[in-house]
Amino acid sequence: MDKIFTYLSLLMGIVFLCMGIGLFILPNTVFADWSPGQRYIMGAVVLLYGGFRLWRARRMLLKSTPKENESSTIEKDEA
């Protein structure tokens, strides 16, 4: 179950990054009623949050996979 949450977090991080980039690239089409200051502030916040989600998902993936050195020392101790 933790793996599913980790991959979902990775996917949502990518979605937030795309939304943040969209706030900068598509300001006149999608966000026409927002002022430029609102778009830039919200875009920066969404980009930072997406980066945080990606960083956290990467850290969780690395933590969940066993390292080769640890598994070999466990097998030596059991023998």
C-alpha atoms as a PDB file:
ATOM      1  CA  MET A   1       0.000   0.000   0.000  1.00  0.00           C
ATOM      2  CA  ASP A   2       2.865   2.352   0.711  1.00  0.00           C
ATOM      3  CA  LYS A   3       4.230   1.835  -2.812  1.00  0.00           C
ATOM      4  CA  ILE A   4       0.887   2.884  -4.302  1.00  0.00           C
ATOM      5  CA  PHE A   5       0.837   6.051  -2.187  1.00  0.00           C
ATOM      6  CA  THR A   6       4.410   6.808  -3.211  1.00  0.00           C
ATOM      7  CA  TYR A   7       3.665   6.497  -6.923  1.00  0.00           C
ATOM      8  CA  LEU A   8       0.490   8.557  -6.498  1.00  0.00           C
ATOM      9  CA  SER A   9       2.539  11.236  -4.752  1.00  0.00           C
ATOM     10  CA  LEU A  10       5.015  11.152  -7.644  1.00  0.00           C
ATOM     11  CA  LEU A  11       2.192  11.530 -10.161  1.00  0.00           C
ATOM     12  CA  MET A  12       0.615  14.407  -8.243  1.00  0.00           C
ATOM     13  CA  GLY A  13       3.999  16.141  -8.027  1.00  0.00           C
ATOM     14  CA  ILE A  14       4.224  16.035 -11.817  1.00  0.00           C
ATOM     15  CA  VAL A  15       0.656  17.364 -12.084  1.00  0.00           C
ATOM     16  CA  PHE A  16       1.440  20.269  -9.736  1.00  0.00           C
ATOM     17  CA  LEU A  17       4.588  21.104 -11.688  1.00  0.00           C
ATOM     18  CA  CYS A  18       2.589  21.177 -14.926  1.00  0.00           C
ATOM     19  CA  MET A  19      -0.042  23.402 -13.310  1.00  0.00           C
ATOM     20  CA  GLY A  20       2.631  25.782 -12.048  1.00  0.00           C
ATOM     21  CA  ILE A  21       4.250  25.982 -15.469  1.00  0.00           C
ATOM     22  CA  GLY A  22       0.814  26.510 -16.999  1.00  0.00           C
ATOM     23  CA  LEU A  23       0.279  29.532 -14.778  1.00  0.00           C
ATOM     24  CA  PHE A  24       3.380  31.115 -16.302  1.00  0.00           C
ATOM     25  CA  ILE A  25       2.943  30.001 -19.926  1.00  0.00           C
ATOM     26  CA  LEU A  26      -0.843  30.261 -20.461  1.00  0.00           C
ATOM     27  CA  PRO A  27      -1.798  33.375 -18.528  1.00  0.00           C
ATOM     28  CA  ASN A  28      -4.025  34.987 -21.154  1.00  0.00           C
ATOM     29  CA  THR A  29      -6.049  31.935 -22.114  1.00  0.00           C
ATOM     30  CA  VAL A  30      -6.833  30.025 -18.937  1.00  0.00           C
ATOM     31  CA  PHE A  31      -6.268  32.592 -16.190  1.00  0.00           C
ATOM     32  CA  ALA A  32      -7.402  35.774 -17.940  1.00  0.00           C
ATOM     33  CA  ASP A  33      -9.269  37.188 -14.956  1.00  0.00           C
ATOM     34  CA  TRP A  34      -6.258  36.993 -12.597  1.00  0.00           C
ATOM     35  CA  SER A  35      -3.816  39.855 -12.271  1.00  0.00           C
ATOM     36  CA  PRO A  36      -0.201  39.183 -13.290  1.00  0.00           C
ATOM     37  CA  GLY A  37       0.929  39.356  -9.665  1.00  0.00           C
ATOM     38  CA  GLN A  38      -1.579  36.717  -8.619  1.00  0.00           C
ATOM     39  CA  ARG A  39      -0.520  34.412 -11.457  1.00  0.00           C
ATOM     40  CA  TYR A  40       3.190  34.678 -10.678  1.00  0.00           C
ATOM     41  CA  ILE A  41       2.773  34.200  -6.933  1.00  0.00           C
ATOM     42  CA  MET A  42       0.398  31.275  -7.344  1.00  0.00           C
ATOM     43  CA  GLY A  43       2.594  29.740 -10.048  1.00  0.00           C
ATOM     44  CA  ALA A  44       5.657  29.945  -7.811  1.00  0.00           C
ATOM     45  CA  VAL A  45       3.793  28.389  -4.873  1.00  0.00           C
ATOM     46  CA  VAL A  46       2.417  25.552  -7.008  1.00  0.00           C
ATOM     47  CA  LEU A  47       5.867  24.906  -8.526  1.00  0.00           C
ATOM     48  CA  LEU A  48       7.448  24.756  -5.070  1.00  0.00           C
ATOM     49  CA  TYR A  49       4.746  22.407  -3.815  1.00  0.00           C
ATOM     50  CA  GLY A  50       5.140  20.153  -6.862  1.00  0.00           C
ATOM     51  CA  GLY A  51       8.898  20.060  -6.325  1.00  0.00           C
ATOM     52  CA  PHE A  52       8.341  19.143  -2.688  1.00  0.00           C
ATOM     53  CA  ARG A  53       5.976  16.323  -3.664  1.00  0.00           C
ATOM     54  CA  LEU A  54       8.539  14.940  -6.136  1.00  0.00           C
ATOM     55  CA  TRP A  55      11.342  15.189  -3.574  1.00  0.00           C
ATOM     56  CA  ARG A  56       9.248  13.430  -0.932  1.00  0.00           C
ATOM     57  CA  ALA A  57       8.170  10.655  -3.339  1.00  0.00           C
ATOM     58  CA  ARG A  58      11.779  10.094  -4.425  1.00  0.00           C
ATOM     59  CA  ARG A  59      12.908   9.912  -0.804  1.00  0.00           C
ATOM     60  CA  MET A  60      10.126   7.438   0.021  1.00  0.00           C
ATOM     61  CA  LEU A  61      11.001   5.269  -3.004  1.00  0.00           C
ATOM     62  CA  LEU A  62      14.670   5.180  -2.053  1.00  0.00           C
ATOM     63  CA  LYS A  63      13.818   4.345   1.542  1.00  0.00           C
ATOM     64  CA  SER A  64      11.462   1.510   0.562  1.00  0.00           C
ATOM     65  CA  THR A  65      13.932  -0.298  -1.713  1.00  0.00           C
ATOM     66  CA  PRO A  66      16.454  -2.452   0.167  1.00  0.00           C
ATOM     67  CA  LYS A  67      20.073  -1.715  -0.520  1.00  0.00           C
ATOM     68  CA  GLU A  68      22.310  -4.468  -1.868  1.00  0.00           C
ATOM     69  CA  ASN A  69      24.896  -4.073   0.893  1.00  0.00           C
ATOM     70  CA  GLU A  70      22.339  -4.441   3.676  1.00  0.00           C
ATOM     71  CA  SER A  71      20.853  -7.636   2.248  1.00  0.00           C
ATOM     72  CA  SER A  72      24.262  -9.266   1.863  1.00  0.00           C
ATOM     73  CA  THR A  73      25.245  -8.507   5.473  1.00  0.00           C
ATOM     74  CA  ILE A  74      21.940  -9.920   6.751  1.00  0.00           C
ATOM     75  CA  GLU A  75      22.525 -13.157   4.815  1.00  0.00           C
ATOM     76  CA  LYS A  76      26.070 -13.450   6.222  1.00  0.00           C
ATOM     77  CA  ASP A  77      24.815 -12.995   9.784  1.00  0.00           C
ATOM     78  CA  GLU A  78      22.182 -15.712   9.385  1.00  0.00           C
ATOM     79  CA  ALA A  79      24.699 -18.249   8.053  1.00  0.00           C
END
